[in-house]
Amino acid sequence: MVSGMDYDRDIIWVKGNFKDEVPTTMLYKSMIDEIDVTLKKFPASKVYNLSNGAYFESTISLSIDNAVIEETIFDKNAIQQEILNILRTISKKDLTRLEISQFDRELKVSKKLSKINVPSNFKKEFEKIKQNFPKSLIIQIVEQYLKLTSPYVTYTQNHTIQYKQFLSLAKDLKNALQDFMK
């Protein structure tokens, strides 16, 4: 906490890309600042900010309606499958029994998370699973997601979107682990 401000939860206002100001948290503000620093290292690059969110100093604001995409749109599923295939050929054959056991544990965690079906109470259910698997990488990923999105849930007083995205994340992680362990 900085001078009474909760770094992860308190909403602050920053310059918007298309609005005068938009809400964010200090955590996101630090990411915005880091992106600005990184982009300044590549002054010849043209980076377009199409969002209605925060303004980034080294980007060009452009309405999505005015964006012309000349490149091929990537097939996310095909790319994921290609990455999984590469990982299978490179690393699965070299996994130790301990590593396989750890992957099995992570798969078990992801299955439990994807079965949470109480939207209004999913954080409590998550905490129960977390207590049983405190060192789980999947738990850490989901916990970071919740940490990043909770301020907006507090601000909007609507947990439905967070719950739906939580389920989607849990299912994606489960599917990726199941695909990898084939």
C-alpha atoms as a PDB file:
ATOM      1  CA  MET A   1       0.000   0.000   0.000  1.00  0.00           C
ATOM      2  CA  VAL A   2       1.199   3.456  -0.878  1.00  0.00           C
ATOM      3  CA  SER A   3      -0.047   6.265   1.382  1.00  0.00           C
ATOM      4  CA  GLY A   4      -3.264   4.445   2.220  1.00  0.00           C
ATOM      5  CA  MET A   5      -3.874   3.215  -1.346  1.00  0.00           C
ATOM      6  CA  ASP A   6      -4.309  -0.478  -2.037  1.00  0.00           C
ATOM      7  CA  TYR A   7      -2.076  -1.112  -5.069  1.00  0.00           C
ATOM      8  CA  ASP A   8      -4.250  -3.955  -6.336  1.00  0.00           C
ATOM      9  CA  ARG A   9      -7.772  -2.837  -5.538  1.00  0.00           C
ATOM     10  CA  ASP A  10      -8.181   0.939  -5.517  1.00  0.00           C
ATOM     11  CA  ILE A  11      -9.409   2.518  -8.717  1.00  0.00           C
ATOM     12  CA  ILE A  12      -7.455   5.477 -10.075  1.00  0.00           C
ATOM     13  CA  TRP A  13      -8.118   7.552 -13.182  1.00  0.00           C
ATOM     14  CA  VAL A  14      -5.631   7.865 -16.052  1.00  0.00           C
ATOM     15  CA  LYS A  15      -5.665   9.571 -19.434  1.00  0.00           C
ATOM     16  CA  GLY A  16      -7.850   7.625 -21.841  1.00  0.00           C
ATOM     17  CA  ASN A  17      -7.136   6.706 -25.421  1.00  0.00           C
ATOM     18  CA  PHE A  18     -10.405   8.247 -26.658  1.00  0.00           C
ATOM     19  CA  LYS A  19     -11.852   9.580 -23.396  1.00  0.00           C
ATOM     20  CA  ASP A  20     -10.444  12.237 -21.087  1.00  0.00           C
ATOM     21  CA  GLU A  21      -9.998   9.667 -18.309  1.00  0.00           C
ATOM     22  CA  VAL A  22     -10.582   5.964 -17.728  1.00  0.00           C
ATOM     23  CA  PRO A  23     -10.526   3.902 -14.513  1.00  0.00           C
ATOM     24  CA  THR A  24      -7.631   1.576 -13.756  1.00  0.00           C
ATOM     25  CA  THR A  25      -5.587   0.298 -10.797  1.00  0.00           C
ATOM     26  CA  MET A  26      -2.023   1.056  -9.757  1.00  0.00           C
ATOM     27  CA  LEU A  27      -1.111  -2.462 -10.884  1.00  0.00           C
ATOM     28  CA  TYR A  28      -2.379  -1.770 -14.409  1.00  0.00           C
ATOM     29  CA  LYS A  29      -0.872   1.730 -14.308  1.00  0.00           C
ATOM     30  CA  SER A  30       2.544   0.200 -13.648  1.00  0.00           C
ATOM     31  CA  MET A  31       2.027  -2.099 -16.658  1.00  0.00           C
ATOM     32  CA  ILE A  32       1.018   0.884 -18.800  1.00  0.00           C
ATOM     33  CA  ASP A  33       4.188   2.720 -17.732  1.00  0.00           C
ATOM     34  CA  GLU A  34       6.328  -0.337 -18.495  1.00  0.00           C
ATOM     35  CA  ILE A  35       4.810  -0.691 -21.960  1.00  0.00           C
ATOM     36  CA  ASP A  36       5.524   3.007 -22.586  1.00  0.00           C
ATOM     37  CA  VAL A  37       9.173   2.538 -21.544  1.00  0.00           C
ATOM     38  CA  THR A  38       9.509  -0.530 -23.767  1.00  0.00           C
ATOM     39  CA  LEU A  39       7.913   1.137 -26.788  1.00  0.00           C
ATOM     40  CA  LYS A  40      10.272   4.126 -26.477  1.00  0.00           C
ATOM     41  CA  LYS A  41      13.163   1.711 -27.056  1.00  0.00           C
ATOM     42  CA  PHE A  42      11.769   1.063 -30.554  1.00  0.00           C
ATOM     43  CA  PRO A  43      11.028   4.546 -31.950  1.00  0.00           C
ATOM     44  CA  ALA A  44      10.792   3.315 -35.544  1.00  0.00           C
ATOM     45  CA  SER A  45       7.903   0.991 -34.672  1.00  0.00           C
ATOM     46  CA  LYS A  46       4.323   2.015 -35.271  1.00  0.00           C
ATOM     47  CA  VAL A  47       2.018   0.672 -32.590  1.00  0.00           C
ATOM     48  CA  TYR A  48      -1.689   1.452 -32.813  1.00  0.00           C
ATOM     49  CA  ASN A  49      -3.890   1.632 -29.732  1.00  0.00           C
ATOM     50  CA  LEU A  50      -7.367   0.534 -30.809  1.00  0.00           C
ATOM     51  CA  SER A  51      -8.837   0.268 -27.331  1.00  0.00           C
ATOM     52  CA  ASN A  52     -11.227   2.549 -25.569  1.00  0.00           C
ATOM     53  CA  GLY A  53      -9.068   2.141 -22.457  1.00  0.00           C
ATOM     54  CA  ALA A  54      -5.872   3.795 -21.317  1.00  0.00           C
ATOM     55  CA  TYR A  55      -3.689   6.028 -23.462  1.00  0.00           C
ATOM     56  CA  PHE A  56      -0.125   4.826 -24.167  1.00  0.00           C
ATOM     57  CA  GLU A  57       2.423   7.564 -24.919  1.00  0.00           C
ATOM     58  CA  SER A  58       4.287   5.824 -27.738  1.00  0.00           C
ATOM     59  CA  THR A  59       1.234   4.604 -29.615  1.00  0.00           C
ATOM     60  CA  ILE A  60      -1.034   6.017 -32.274  1.00  0.00           C
ATOM     61  CA  SER A  61      -4.690   6.239 -31.248  1.00  0.00           C
ATOM     62  CA  LEU A  62      -6.883   4.730 -33.934  1.00  0.00           C
ATOM     63  CA  SER A  63     -10.546   3.840 -33.847  1.00  0.00           C
ATOM     64  CA  ILE A  64     -11.151   0.169 -34.605  1.00  0.00           C
ATOM     65  CA  ASP A  65     -13.597   1.325 -37.294  1.00  0.00           C
ATOM     66  CA  ASN A  66     -10.734   3.071 -39.105  1.00  0.00           C
ATOM     67  CA  ALA A  67      -8.219   0.239 -38.764  1.00  0.00           C
ATOM     68  CA  VAL A  68      -7.247  -1.504 -41.973  1.00  0.00           C
ATOM     69  CA  ILE A  69      -5.824  -4.940 -41.360  1.00  0.00           C
ATOM     70  CA  GLU A  70      -3.934  -6.089 -44.401  1.00  0.00           C
ATOM     71  CA  GLU A  71      -2.337  -9.161 -42.883  1.00  0.00           C
ATOM     72  CA  THR A  72      -3.860 -12.581 -42.499  1.00  0.00           C
ATOM     73  CA  ILE A  73      -5.858 -13.075 -39.342  1.00  0.00           C
ATOM     74  CA  PHE A  74      -4.241 -15.777 -37.217  1.00  0.00           C
ATOM     75  CA  ASP A  75      -6.132 -18.914 -36.336  1.00  0.00           C
ATOM     76  CA  LYS A  76      -5.691 -19.056 -32.545  1.00  0.00           C
ATOM     77  CA  ASN A  77      -6.633 -22.739 -32.331  1.00  0.00           C
ATOM     78  CA  ALA A  78      -4.171 -23.735 -35.076  1.00  0.00           C
ATOM     79  CA  ILE A  79      -1.375 -21.817 -33.360  1.00  0.00           C
ATOM     80  CA  GLN A  80      -2.196 -23.403 -29.990  1.00  0.00           C
ATOM     81  CA  GLN A  81      -2.169 -26.843 -31.602  1.00  0.00           C
ATOM     82  CA  GLU A  82       1.157 -26.156 -33.279  1.00  0.00           C
ATOM     83  CA  ILE A  83       2.709 -25.037 -29.987  1.00  0.00           C
ATOM     84  CA  LEU A  84       1.351 -28.120 -28.229  1.00  0.00           C
ATOM     85  CA  ASN A  85       2.780 -30.359 -30.957  1.00  0.00           C
ATOM     86  CA  ILE A  86       6.191 -28.723 -30.603  1.00  0.00           C
ATOM     87  CA  LEU A  87       6.092 -29.086 -26.819  1.00  0.00           C
ATOM     88  CA  ARG A  88       5.095 -32.747 -27.103  1.00  0.00           C
ATOM     89  CA  THR A  89       8.003 -33.604 -29.406  1.00  0.00           C
ATOM     90  CA  ILE A  90      10.569 -31.581 -27.486  1.00  0.00           C
ATOM     91  CA  SER A  91       9.741 -32.175 -23.877  1.00  0.00           C
ATOM     92  CA  LYS A  92       7.253 -34.932 -23.151  1.00  0.00           C
ATOM     93  CA  LYS A  93       9.731 -37.662 -23.982  1.00  0.00           C
ATOM     94  CA  ASP A  94      12.189 -36.083 -21.555  1.00  0.00           C
ATOM     95  CA  LEU A  95       9.830 -35.593 -18.616  1.00  0.00           C
ATOM     96  CA  THR A  96      10.763 -37.306 -15.372  1.00  0.00           C
ATOM     97  CA  ARG A  97       8.232 -39.215 -13.314  1.00  0.00           C
ATOM     98  CA  LEU A  98       8.171 -36.296 -10.876  1.00  0.00           C
ATOM     99  CA  GLU A  99       7.383 -33.839 -13.670  1.00  0.00           C
ATOM    100  CA  ILE A 100       4.643 -36.090 -15.032  1.00  0.00           C
ATOM    101  CA  SER A 101       3.231 -36.303 -11.500  1.00  0.00           C
ATOM    102  CA  GLN A 102       3.277 -32.500 -11.269  1.00  0.00           C
ATOM    103  CA  PHE A 103       1.458 -32.188 -14.596  1.00  0.00           C
ATOM    104  CA  ASP A 104      -1.121 -34.716 -13.386  1.00  0.00           C
ATOM    105  CA  ARG A 105      -1.612 -32.649 -10.220  1.00  0.00           C
ATOM    106  CA  GLU A 106      -2.082 -29.461 -12.263  1.00  0.00           C
ATOM    107  CA  LEU A 107      -4.603 -31.270 -14.451  1.00  0.00           C
ATOM    108  CA  LYS A 108      -6.496 -32.367 -11.333  1.00  0.00           C
ATOM    109  CA  VAL A 109      -6.552 -28.753 -10.093  1.00  0.00           C
ATOM    110  CA  SER A 110      -7.757 -27.423 -13.442  1.00  0.00           C
ATOM    111  CA  LYS A 111     -10.544 -30.028 -13.554  1.00  0.00           C
ATOM    112  CA  LYS A 112     -11.703 -29.012 -10.075  1.00  0.00           C
ATOM    113  CA  LEU A 113     -11.662 -25.329 -11.038  1.00  0.00           C
ATOM    114  CA  SER A 114     -13.611 -25.906 -14.233  1.00  0.00           C
ATOM    115  CA  LYS A 115     -16.343 -27.688 -12.238  1.00  0.00           C
ATOM    116  CA  ILE A 116     -17.105 -24.671 -10.042  1.00  0.00           C
ATOM    117  CA  ASN A 117     -20.693 -23.853 -10.907  1.00  0.00           C
ATOM    118  CA  VAL A 118     -21.760 -21.315  -8.297  1.00  0.00           C
ATOM    119  CA  PRO A 119     -21.319 -17.901  -9.967  1.00  0.00           C
ATOM    120  CA  SER A 120     -22.123 -15.869  -6.853  1.00  0.00           C
ATOM    121  CA  ASN A 121     -19.756 -17.882  -4.681  1.00  0.00           C
ATOM    122  CA  PHE A 122     -16.984 -18.995  -7.032  1.00  0.00           C
ATOM    123  CA  LYS A 123     -14.213 -17.140  -5.171  1.00  0.00           C
ATOM    124  CA  LYS A 124     -14.984 -19.081  -1.985  1.00  0.00           C
ATOM    125  CA  GLU A 125     -14.917 -22.327  -3.954  1.00  0.00           C
ATOM    126  CA  PHE A 126     -11.616 -21.251  -5.512  1.00  0.00           C
ATOM    127  CA  GLU A 127     -10.171 -20.564  -2.033  1.00  0.00           C
ATOM    128  CA  LYS A 128     -11.137 -24.091  -0.892  1.00  0.00           C
ATOM    129  CA  ILE A 129      -9.300 -25.615  -3.841  1.00  0.00           C
ATOM    130  CA  LYS A 130      -6.352 -23.269  -3.259  1.00  0.00           C
ATOM    131  CA  GLN A 131      -6.031 -24.520   0.329  1.00  0.00           C
ATOM    132  CA  ASN A 132      -5.614 -28.073  -0.963  1.00  0.00           C
ATOM    133  CA  PHE A 133      -3.119 -27.101  -3.702  1.00  0.00           C
ATOM    134  CA  PRO A 134      -1.265 -23.997  -2.434  1.00  0.00           C
ATOM    135  CA  LYS A 135       1.788 -24.474  -4.699  1.00  0.00           C
ATOM    136  CA  SER A 136      -0.133 -25.167  -7.875  1.00  0.00           C
ATOM    137  CA  LEU A 137       0.920 -23.171 -10.917  1.00  0.00           C
ATOM    138  CA  ILE A 138      -2.691 -23.216 -12.148  1.00  0.00           C
ATOM    139  CA  ILE A 139      -3.821 -21.743  -8.814  1.00  0.00           C
ATOM    140  CA  GLN A 140      -1.191 -19.001  -9.154  1.00  0.00           C
ATOM    141  CA  ILE A 141      -2.351 -18.146 -12.694  1.00  0.00           C
ATOM    142  CA  VAL A 142      -6.010 -17.980 -11.674  1.00  0.00           C
ATOM    143  CA  GLU A 143      -5.154 -16.040  -8.528  1.00  0.00           C
ATOM    144  CA  GLN A 144      -3.297 -13.444 -10.609  1.00  0.00           C
ATOM    145  CA  TYR A 145      -6.284 -13.213 -12.960  1.00  0.00           C
ATOM    146  CA  LEU A 146      -8.625 -12.615 -10.018  1.00  0.00           C
ATOM    147  CA  LYS A 147      -6.223 -10.062  -8.574  1.00  0.00           C
ATOM    148  CA  LEU A 148      -6.178  -8.142 -11.860  1.00  0.00           C
ATOM    149  CA  THR A 149      -9.936  -8.199 -12.428  1.00  0.00           C
ATOM    150  CA  SER A 150     -11.346  -7.820  -8.910  1.00  0.00           C
ATOM    151  CA  PRO A 151     -11.052  -4.008  -8.799  1.00  0.00           C
ATOM    152  CA  TYR A 152     -13.289  -3.769 -11.838  1.00  0.00           C
ATOM    153  CA  VAL A 153     -15.816  -6.131 -10.290  1.00  0.00           C
ATOM    154  CA  THR A 154     -15.854  -3.905  -7.211  1.00  0.00           C
ATOM    155  CA  TYR A 155     -16.183  -0.816  -9.396  1.00  0.00           C
ATOM    156  CA  THR A 156     -18.994  -2.199 -11.570  1.00  0.00           C
ATOM    157  CA  GLN A 157     -20.651  -4.325  -8.854  1.00  0.00           C
ATOM    158  CA  ASN A 158     -21.006  -7.123 -11.431  1.00  0.00           C
ATOM    159  CA  HIS A 159     -19.187 -10.435 -10.962  1.00  0.00           C
ATOM    160  CA  THR A 160     -20.856 -12.255 -13.878  1.00  0.00           C
ATOM    161  CA  ILE A 161     -18.240 -11.367 -16.496  1.00  0.00           C
ATOM    162  CA  GLN A 162     -15.396 -12.252 -14.124  1.00  0.00           C
ATOM    163  CA  TYR A 163     -17.019 -15.616 -13.357  1.00  0.00           C
ATOM    164  CA  LYS A 164     -17.545 -16.423 -17.055  1.00  0.00           C
ATOM    165  CA  GLN A 165     -13.944 -15.488 -17.872  1.00  0.00           C
ATOM    166  CA  PHE A 166     -12.733 -17.472 -14.850  1.00  0.00           C
ATOM    167  CA  LEU A 167     -14.557 -20.566 -16.163  1.00  0.00           C
ATOM    168  CA  SER A 168     -13.182 -20.006 -19.653  1.00  0.00           C
ATOM    169  CA  LEU A 169      -9.638 -19.681 -18.257  1.00  0.00           C
ATOM    170  CA  ALA A 170     -10.038 -22.803 -16.114  1.00  0.00           C
ATOM    171  CA  LYS A 171     -11.362 -24.829 -19.055  1.00  0.00           C
ATOM    172  CA  ASP A 172      -8.628 -23.564 -21.404  1.00  0.00           C
ATOM    173  CA  LEU A 173      -5.955 -24.533 -18.872  1.00  0.00           C
ATOM    174  CA  LYS A 174      -7.569 -27.958 -18.375  1.00  0.00           C
ATOM    175  CA  ASN A 175      -7.797 -28.569 -22.126  1.00  0.00           C
ATOM    176  CA  ALA A 176      -4.191 -27.472 -22.699  1.00  0.00           C
ATOM    177  CA  LEU A 177      -2.958 -29.842 -19.982  1.00  0.00           C
ATOM    178  CA  GLN A 178      -5.093 -32.703 -21.278  1.00  0.00           C
ATOM    179  CA  ASP A 179      -3.781 -32.137 -24.811  1.00  0.00           C
ATOM    180  CA  PHE A 180      -0.203 -31.989 -23.567  1.00  0.00           C
ATOM    181  CA  MET A 181      -0.514 -35.185 -21.510  1.00  0.00           C
ATOM    182  CA  LYS A 182      -1.877 -37.250 -24.430  1.00  0.00           C
END
